Amino acid sequence: MQAWHEAARTTLGLFWTAFWAFGLGYLISSLIQVFVTRERMRRSMGEAGPKSVALGTVFGFASSSCSFAALATTRALFAKGAGLVPSLAFLLASTNLVVELGIVIAVFLGWQFVVGEYVGGVLLILLMWLVVRLTRPAKLIEQARKRAQRQEGDASGEVPDWKALVASAEGWRRVANRYVMEWRMVWKDVTIGFTVAGVIATFVPRAFFETLFLGAAHGDAAPSPPEVLVQSIVGPAAAFFTFIGSMGNIPLAAVLLGNGVSFAGVLAFLFSDLIVFPVVRIQAQYYGWKLALYIAGVFLVILVAAAVLIHYAFAWLGLLPDQDVVRSVVERDYFSFDYTFYLDIVFLALSVGFLAWKSRSGGVAGGGDSSLGQRVLLGFALLALAWLAGGLLAPALSGA
């Protein structure tokens, strides 16, 4: 019962540590999404070439970090004429290069992982471009585009005057709506991810990680190249079975690093949010299973390669992260009166204000994804909340 209470308290502490980072990241993301629309992106992107890939990367950087929202936008860009490589560049950038992701990674994992995430995001795009150019399934791409076009339709959205929006109440109302929607899209992933991190940090012994991730038992000794490669493959496999999005995976990544998993293994775990089964299933609905599995295969190859390359680049520069720093984050006193407390209060007030504004202007319900995958995710999120409530009450229950 005491361990259950400790797991629940760890989960809440991890979330309290990161809440302001989520809020700041989603505020920045909401501002960009309101003032730089999807239609503006589509009209700027071309079929192929360095300019189109660069634009896809920039637009991905300016978009939401929610994998499912990024998948829908990618389909729209691809259906409206963007090439596969620019479209996938947008998808990779929107889940690896966004501001909010870097802020939360900095809180839990340190600056090395922020640099690794952003450098890795660019490297993933370049490697993806190379692999697709070498394997280019032209017929498969054309079939997938026709399928996506049937789903997307022919409607074109207007491109608003962003300067007028910035100066208007309507523009900021849209920012408030977008901010609330960002939280709606990720709360299930975040709830499950932080709960799993608390459970693993409390209940799972280090020996489990030493067995699962070959070489994690070495302590301060550097893992051998074969061990780094194996850990970079096991990382995506672990991510596949967690079914958690990129933001929810970050506290779990801190637990992995604190238990001896290498820089490469943790990076590969963080890069893997686009090859989990719910994402592959949605890609199959959009483009068909053949292209969905092709994209997943490309992503798996490039993320393993990128993780290993970045690991040894950091090792050569003597910049590999210290695991003891991460352990101090996971094991810290979360609820002290430090900068985190005051920033959390600021963004809690902002969130409540935006929620109230959205509620008055159109409510907060409706418009969600009702697919089977999302219903299953909702069920797990509700179970996680029940687990947390029980854990917080465990001392009182055991005393009774």
Protein backbone atom coordinates (compact mmCIF):
# COMPACT_ATOMS: atom_id res chain seq x y z
CA MET A 1 0.00 0.00 0.00
CA GLN A 2 2.87 2.34 0.80
CA ALA A 3 4.49 1.57 -2.57
CA TRP A 4 1.17 2.25 -4.31
CA HIS A 5 0.98 5.61 -2.55
CA GLU A 6 4.59 6.37 -3.53
CA ALA A 7 3.89 5.51 -7.18
CA ALA A 8 0.86 7.81 -7.25
CA ARG A 9 2.79 10.60 -5.55
CA THR A 10 5.67 10.18 -8.00
CA THR A 11 3.26 10.45 -10.94
CA LEU A 12 1.71 13.65 -9.60
CA GLY A 13 5.12 15.04 -8.76
CA LEU A 14 6.42 14.39 -12.25
CA PHE A 15 3.38 16.08 -13.75
CA TRP A 16 3.65 19.05 -11.36
CA THR A 17 7.29 19.43 -12.38
CA ALA A 18 6.35 19.55 -16.06
CA PHE A 19 2.98 21.36 -16.02
CA TRP A 20 4.38 24.83 -16.69
CA ALA A 21 6.49 23.42 -19.53
CA PHE A 22 3.41 21.88 -21.12
CA GLY A 23 1.52 25.15 -20.70
CA LEU A 24 4.28 27.28 -22.18
CA GLY A 25 4.78 24.90 -25.07
CA TYR A 26 1.07 24.70 -25.91
CA LEU A 27 0.71 28.47 -25.68
CA ILE A 28 3.50 28.93 -28.22
CA SER A 29 2.07 26.15 -30.38
CA SER A 30 -1.42 27.70 -30.24
CA LEU A 31 -0.13 31.13 -31.25
CA ILE A 32 1.68 29.66 -34.25
CA GLN A 33 -1.23 27.48 -35.35
CA VAL A 34 -3.72 30.34 -35.22
CA PHE A 35 -1.57 32.80 -37.12
CA VAL A 36 0.06 30.30 -39.54
CA THR A 37 -2.79 28.18 -40.91
CA ARG A 38 -2.70 24.77 -42.56
CA GLU A 39 -3.97 26.26 -45.80
CA ARG A 40 -1.11 28.75 -45.84
CA MET A 41 1.28 25.85 -45.42
CA ARG A 42 -0.33 23.86 -48.23
CA ARG A 43 -0.15 26.71 -50.72
CA SER A 44 3.53 27.21 -49.99
CA MET A 45 4.64 23.59 -50.37
CA GLY A 46 5.49 21.96 -53.67
CA GLU A 47 5.74 18.42 -54.92
CA ALA A 48 9.43 17.76 -54.28
CA GLY A 49 12.87 19.32 -53.99
CA PRO A 50 14.97 20.94 -51.25
CA LYS A 51 12.67 23.96 -50.93
CA SER A 52 9.60 21.79 -50.37
CA VAL A 53 11.42 19.62 -47.81
CA ALA A 54 12.69 22.72 -46.02
CA LEU A 55 9.19 24.22 -45.94
CA GLY A 56 7.72 20.96 -44.71
CA THR A 57 10.29 20.96 -41.90
CA VAL A 58 9.61 24.58 -40.95
CA PHE A 59 5.84 24.09 -41.00
CA GLY A 60 6.20 20.94 -38.91
CA PHE A 61 8.26 22.90 -36.38
CA ALA A 62 5.41 25.44 -36.25
CA SER A 63 2.69 22.84 -35.68
CA SER A 64 1.27 20.74 -32.88
CA SER A 65 3.32 17.98 -31.25
CA CYS A 66 0.28 15.70 -31.01
CA SER A 67 0.99 12.74 -33.27
CA PHE A 68 -2.65 12.25 -34.24
CA ALA A 69 -3.17 15.91 -35.16
CA ALA A 70 0.07 15.82 -37.16
CA LEU A 71 -1.13 12.71 -39.03
CA ALA A 72 -4.32 14.47 -40.13
CA THR A 73 -2.45 17.56 -41.31
CA THR A 74 0.08 15.41 -43.15
CA ARG A 75 -2.72 13.65 -45.00
CA ALA A 76 -4.22 17.02 -45.99
CA LEU A 77 -0.88 18.29 -47.32
CA PHE A 78 -0.23 15.04 -49.21
CA ALA A 79 -3.74 14.94 -50.67
CA LYS A 80 -3.50 18.57 -51.83
CA GLY A 81 -0.34 17.91 -53.86
CA ALA A 82 2.68 17.94 -51.53
CA GLY A 83 5.19 15.20 -52.28
CA LEU A 84 5.66 12.21 -50.00
CA VAL A 85 9.09 13.39 -48.81
CA PRO A 86 7.94 16.96 -47.89
CA SER A 87 4.83 15.51 -46.26
CA LEU A 88 6.87 13.05 -44.17
CA ALA A 89 9.33 15.85 -43.38
CA PHE A 90 6.38 17.80 -41.96
CA LEU A 91 5.28 14.76 -39.94
CA LEU A 92 8.74 14.11 -38.50
CA ALA A 93 9.31 17.79 -37.68
CA SER A 94 5.90 18.15 -36.04
CA THR A 95 6.69 15.36 -33.59
CA ASN A 96 10.43 15.93 -33.04
CA LEU A 97 11.23 19.63 -33.59
CA VAL A 98 8.33 21.43 -31.87
CA VAL A 99 9.02 23.91 -29.08
CA GLU A 100 6.89 22.32 -26.37
CA LEU A 101 8.65 18.97 -26.75
CA GLY A 102 12.05 20.57 -26.19
CA ILE A 103 10.84 22.43 -23.10
CA VAL A 104 9.53 19.26 -21.41
CA ILE A 105 12.63 17.28 -22.41
CA ALA A 106 14.80 19.98 -20.83
CA VAL A 107 12.88 19.65 -17.55
CA PHE A 108 13.23 15.86 -17.33
CA LEU A 109 16.31 14.88 -19.32
CA GLY A 110 18.62 17.87 -19.62
CA TRP A 111 20.09 19.94 -22.43
CA GLN A 112 21.90 17.03 -24.10
CA PHE A 113 18.60 15.41 -24.94
CA VAL A 114 17.16 18.71 -26.18
CA VAL A 115 20.08 19.03 -28.58
CA GLY A 116 19.85 15.33 -29.44
CA GLU A 117 16.11 15.62 -30.11
CA TYR A 118 16.44 18.64 -32.41
CA VAL A 119 19.59 17.49 -34.19
CA GLY A 120 18.02 14.05 -34.43
CA GLY A 121 14.83 15.50 -35.90
CA VAL A 122 16.79 17.13 -38.71
CA LEU A 123 18.86 13.98 -39.20
CA LEU A 124 15.70 11.86 -39.35
CA ILE A 125 14.35 14.05 -42.14
CA LEU A 126 17.58 13.86 -44.14
CA LEU A 127 17.82 10.08 -43.70
CA MET A 128 14.14 9.67 -44.62
CA TRP A 129 14.73 11.71 -47.79
CA LEU A 130 17.67 9.47 -48.71
CA VAL A 131 15.85 6.18 -48.03
CA VAL A 132 12.72 7.22 -49.93
CA ARG A 133 14.81 8.42 -52.88
CA LEU A 134 16.61 5.07 -52.97
CA THR A 135 13.50 2.93 -52.62
CA ARG A 136 10.90 5.28 -54.15
CA PRO A 137 7.69 3.24 -54.66
CA ALA A 138 6.14 5.60 -57.24
CA LYS A 139 3.09 3.46 -58.02
CA LEU A 140 2.34 2.92 -54.33
CA ILE A 141 2.62 6.66 -53.65
CA GLU A 142 0.19 7.52 -56.44
CA GLN A 143 -2.35 4.97 -55.22
CA ALA A 144 -2.06 6.34 -51.69
CA ARG A 145 -2.52 9.92 -52.90
CA LYS A 146 -5.77 9.02 -54.69
CA ARG A 147 -7.04 7.33 -51.53
CA ALA A 148 -6.11 10.35 -49.39
CA GLN A 149 -7.77 12.73 -51.87
CA ARG A 150 -11.04 10.82 -51.65
CA GLN A 151 -10.98 11.20 -47.87
CA GLU A 152 -9.84 14.82 -47.81
CA GLY A 153 -12.22 16.22 -50.45
CA ASP A 154 -11.69 19.34 -52.53
CA ALA A 155 -12.56 22.07 -50.03
CA SER A 156 -9.97 24.81 -49.67
CA GLY A 157 -9.71 26.92 -46.55
CA GLU A 158 -9.22 30.64 -46.49
CA VAL A 159 -5.93 32.25 -45.52
CA PRO A 160 -6.70 34.90 -42.89
CA ASP A 161 -4.75 38.13 -42.38
CA TRP A 162 -2.56 37.21 -39.42
CA LYS A 163 -1.86 40.87 -38.56
CA ALA A 164 -5.56 41.55 -38.21
CA LEU A 165 -5.98 38.43 -36.09
CA VAL A 166 -3.20 39.46 -33.68
CA ALA A 167 -4.91 42.80 -33.11
CA SER A 168 -8.41 41.35 -32.63
CA ALA A 169 -10.26 39.67 -29.78
CA GLU A 170 -11.31 36.97 -32.25
CA GLY A 171 -7.69 36.04 -32.86
CA TRP A 172 -7.02 35.58 -29.17
CA ARG A 173 -10.28 33.69 -28.73
CA ARG A 174 -8.95 31.27 -31.35
CA VAL A 175 -5.69 31.02 -29.41
CA ALA A 176 -7.67 30.12 -26.26
CA ASN A 177 -9.68 27.53 -28.20
CA ARG A 178 -6.54 26.06 -29.72
CA TYR A 179 -4.81 25.91 -26.33
CA VAL A 180 -7.73 23.96 -24.83
CA MET A 181 -7.82 21.68 -27.87
CA GLU A 182 -4.10 20.95 -27.49
CA TRP A 183 -4.75 19.71 -23.95
CA ARG A 184 -7.79 17.74 -25.11
CA MET A 185 -5.70 15.94 -27.72
CA VAL A 186 -2.93 14.88 -25.35
CA TRP A 187 -4.45 14.51 -21.87
CA LYS A 188 -5.04 10.78 -22.29
CA ASP A 189 -1.46 10.15 -23.48
CA VAL A 190 -0.05 12.37 -20.74
CA THR A 191 -2.16 10.74 -18.01
CA ILE A 192 -1.15 7.23 -19.06
CA GLY A 193 2.48 8.16 -19.66
CA PHE A 194 3.03 9.83 -16.31
CA THR A 195 1.16 7.05 -14.48
CA VAL A 196 3.28 4.38 -16.17
CA ALA A 197 6.43 6.35 -15.30
CA GLY A 198 5.41 6.52 -11.64
CA VAL A 199 4.60 2.80 -11.53
CA ILE A 200 7.86 1.79 -13.21
CA ALA A 201 9.97 4.12 -11.07
CA THR A 202 8.45 2.60 -7.92
CA PHE A 203 7.78 -1.06 -8.66
CA VAL A 204 10.12 -2.20 -11.45
CA PRO A 205 13.60 -3.23 -10.25
CA ARG A 206 16.73 -2.15 -12.05
CA ALA A 207 17.44 -5.80 -12.93
CA PHE A 208 14.49 -5.71 -15.34
CA PHE A 209 16.08 -2.91 -17.37
CA GLU A 210 19.46 -4.64 -17.25
CA THR A 211 17.86 -7.71 -18.82
CA LEU A 212 15.69 -5.88 -21.36
CA PHE A 213 18.36 -3.38 -22.47
CA LEU A 214 21.57 -5.27 -23.08
CA GLY A 215 24.46 -3.40 -21.48
CA ALA A 216 22.41 -1.37 -18.99
CA ALA A 217 24.09 -3.27 -16.12
CA HIS A 218 27.49 -1.69 -16.77
CA GLY A 219 26.88 1.28 -14.49
CA ASP A 220 29.29 4.08 -15.40
CA ALA A 221 31.08 1.92 -17.97
CA ALA A 222 30.23 2.72 -21.58
CA PRO A 223 28.22 0.04 -23.42
CA SER A 224 29.91 -1.64 -26.36
CA PRO A 225 28.87 -0.78 -29.96
CA PRO A 226 26.77 -3.97 -30.31
CA GLU A 227 25.03 -3.13 -27.02
CA VAL A 228 24.31 0.42 -28.19
CA LEU A 229 22.81 -0.95 -31.40
CA VAL A 230 20.67 -3.50 -29.52
CA GLN A 231 19.42 -0.85 -27.10
CA SER A 232 18.55 1.38 -30.06
CA ILE A 233 16.39 -1.45 -31.42
CA VAL A 234 14.84 -2.36 -28.06
CA GLY A 235 13.89 1.30 -27.46
CA PRO A 236 11.40 1.39 -30.37
CA ALA A 237 10.05 -2.04 -29.35
CA ALA A 238 9.39 -0.73 -25.83
CA ALA A 239 7.72 2.38 -27.27
CA PHE A 240 5.55 0.23 -29.54
CA PHE A 241 4.06 -1.60 -26.55
CA THR A 242 3.51 1.52 -24.43
CA PHE A 243 1.08 3.08 -26.96
CA ILE A 244 1.92 6.49 -25.51
CA GLY A 245 2.47 9.72 -27.47
CA SER A 246 5.64 11.78 -27.63
CA MET A 247 4.83 14.03 -24.65
CA GLY A 248 3.72 11.15 -22.42
CA ASN A 249 6.90 9.20 -23.19
CA ILE A 250 9.26 11.83 -21.77
CA PRO A 251 8.97 11.00 -18.03
CA LEU A 252 9.24 7.31 -18.90
CA ALA A 253 12.40 8.10 -20.89
CA ALA A 254 13.83 9.72 -17.75
CA VAL A 255 13.13 6.50 -15.83
CA LEU A 256 14.88 4.47 -18.55
CA LEU A 257 17.97 6.67 -18.50
CA GLY A 258 18.06 6.63 -14.71
CA ASN A 259 18.10 2.82 -14.85
CA GLY A 260 21.17 2.59 -17.03
CA VAL A 261 19.80 2.70 -20.60
CA SER A 262 22.22 4.38 -22.99
CA PHE A 263 21.81 7.79 -24.63
CA ALA A 264 21.13 6.03 -27.94
CA GLY A 265 18.51 3.70 -26.44
CA VAL A 266 16.61 6.57 -24.81
CA LEU A 267 16.79 8.70 -27.97
CA ALA A 268 15.46 5.80 -30.05
CA PHE A 269 12.63 5.43 -27.53
CA LEU A 270 11.78 9.14 -27.86
CA PHE A 271 11.95 9.04 -31.67
CA SER A 272 9.52 6.09 -31.85
CA ASP A 273 6.15 7.77 -31.36
CA LEU A 274 5.39 7.48 -35.10
CA ILE A 275 5.79 3.70 -35.29
CA VAL A 276 3.44 2.67 -32.47
CA PHE A 277 0.46 0.59 -33.57
CA PRO A 278 -2.27 3.28 -33.26
CA VAL A 279 -0.26 5.57 -35.56
CA VAL A 280 0.41 2.81 -38.09
CA ARG A 281 -3.29 1.91 -38.04
CA ILE A 282 -4.31 5.51 -38.77
CA GLN A 283 -1.75 5.73 -41.58
CA ALA A 284 -3.30 2.56 -43.03
CA GLN A 285 -6.74 4.15 -42.94
CA TYR A 286 -5.38 7.18 -44.79
CA TYR A 287 -3.10 5.54 -47.38
CA GLY A 288 -3.65 1.77 -47.24
CA TRP A 289 -1.63 -0.85 -45.37
CA LYS A 290 1.14 -1.15 -47.97
CA LEU A 291 2.24 2.48 -47.76
CA ALA A 292 1.61 2.58 -43.99
CA LEU A 293 3.96 -0.36 -43.42
CA TYR A 294 6.47 1.12 -45.86
CA ILE A 295 6.49 4.40 -43.90
CA ALA A 296 6.81 2.54 -40.58
CA GLY A 297 9.72 0.52 -41.96
CA VAL A 298 11.48 3.66 -43.21
CA PHE A 299 10.96 5.36 -39.84
CA LEU A 300 12.30 2.36 -37.91
CA VAL A 301 15.49 2.20 -39.98
CA ILE A 302 16.19 5.93 -39.79
CA LEU A 303 15.45 6.34 -36.09
CA VAL A 304 17.83 3.52 -35.12
CA ALA A 305 20.51 4.96 -37.40
CA ALA A 306 19.98 8.50 -36.09
CA ALA A 307 20.10 7.40 -32.43
CA VAL A 308 23.37 5.52 -32.91
CA LEU A 309 24.99 8.34 -34.91
CA ILE A 310 24.05 10.98 -32.34
CA HIS A 311 25.19 8.76 -29.45
CA TYR A 312 28.69 8.40 -30.86
CA ALA A 313 28.88 12.05 -31.92
CA PHE A 314 28.15 13.06 -28.32
CA ALA A 315 30.56 10.43 -27.00
CA TRP A 316 33.31 11.77 -29.27
CA LEU A 317 32.65 15.29 -27.96
CA GLY A 318 32.49 14.06 -24.35
CA LEU A 319 28.91 15.28 -23.94
CA LEU A 320 27.00 12.14 -22.98
CA PRO A 321 24.50 12.91 -20.16
CA ASP A 322 25.06 11.99 -16.54
CA GLN A 323 22.49 9.45 -15.35
CA ASP A 324 22.74 10.70 -11.76
CA VAL A 325 21.30 14.06 -12.87
CA VAL A 326 18.25 12.29 -14.28
CA ARG A 327 17.85 10.19 -11.13
CA SER A 328 17.78 13.40 -9.09
CA VAL A 329 14.92 14.67 -11.27
CA VAL A 330 12.89 11.47 -10.82
CA GLU A 331 13.61 11.25 -7.07
CA ARG A 332 13.41 14.96 -6.14
CA ASP A 333 11.05 16.66 -3.69
CA TYR A 334 8.46 17.80 -6.24
CA PHE A 335 6.28 20.09 -4.17
CA SER A 336 8.75 22.61 -2.74
CA PHE A 337 8.32 26.36 -3.16
CA ASP A 338 10.75 26.95 -6.03
CA TYR A 339 10.48 28.41 -9.54
CA THR A 340 8.40 25.41 -10.65
CA PHE A 341 5.67 26.24 -8.13
CA TYR A 342 5.31 29.86 -9.26
CA LEU A 343 5.42 29.01 -12.97
CA ASP A 344 2.82 26.28 -12.44
CA ILE A 345 0.51 28.79 -10.71
CA VAL A 346 0.88 31.23 -13.63
CA PHE A 347 0.04 28.60 -16.25
CA LEU A 348 -2.72 27.09 -14.11
CA ALA A 349 -4.39 30.52 -14.03
CA LEU A 350 -3.85 30.92 -17.78
CA SER A 351 -5.32 27.47 -18.46
CA VAL A 352 -8.39 28.12 -16.30
CA GLY A 353 -8.91 31.47 -18.03
CA PHE A 354 -8.64 29.97 -21.51
CA LEU A 355 -10.94 27.09 -20.54
CA ALA A 356 -13.56 29.51 -19.22
CA TRP A 357 -13.31 31.63 -22.39
CA LYS A 358 -13.74 28.60 -24.63
CA SER A 359 -16.63 27.34 -22.50
CA ARG A 360 -18.46 30.66 -22.84
CA SER A 361 -17.82 30.93 -26.57
CA GLY A 362 -18.79 27.41 -27.64
CA GLY A 363 -18.32 24.79 -24.97
CA VAL A 364 -15.51 22.31 -24.48
CA ALA A 365 -17.18 19.07 -25.59
CA GLY A 366 -17.58 17.55 -29.03
CA GLY A 367 -15.30 17.26 -32.02
CA GLY A 368 -13.14 14.51 -30.53
CA ASP A 369 -11.91 11.33 -32.20
CA SER A 370 -14.42 8.54 -31.42
CA SER A 371 -12.42 5.76 -33.09
CA LEU A 372 -11.89 2.42 -31.37
CA GLY A 373 -8.26 3.27 -30.66
CA GLN A 374 -9.19 6.51 -28.95
CA ARG A 375 -11.92 4.81 -26.92
CA VAL A 376 -9.41 2.21 -25.73
CA LEU A 377 -6.97 5.00 -24.88
CA LEU A 378 -9.73 6.79 -22.94
CA GLY A 379 -10.41 3.59 -21.00
CA PHE A 380 -6.75 3.27 -20.03
CA ALA A 381 -6.63 6.96 -19.05
CA LEU A 382 -9.66 6.56 -16.78
CA LEU A 383 -8.07 3.46 -15.23
CA ALA A 384 -4.92 5.50 -14.64
CA LEU A 385 -6.93 8.21 -12.88
CA ALA A 386 -8.62 5.58 -10.71
CA TRP A 387 -5.19 4.11 -9.88
CA LEU A 388 -3.90 7.56 -8.89
CA ALA A 389 -6.94 8.25 -6.69
CA GLY A 390 -6.55 4.89 -4.96
CA GLY A 391 -2.84 5.45 -4.46
CA LEU A 392 -3.36 8.82 -2.83
CA LEU A 393 -5.91 7.29 -0.45
CA ALA A 394 -3.84 4.14 0.21
CA PRO A 395 -2.33 5.28 3.55
CA ALA A 396 -5.77 6.10 4.92
CA LEU A 397 -7.18 2.82 3.65
CA SER A 398 -4.32 0.78 5.10
CA GLY A 399 -4.66 2.59 8.42
CA ALA A 400 -8.35 1.72 8.52
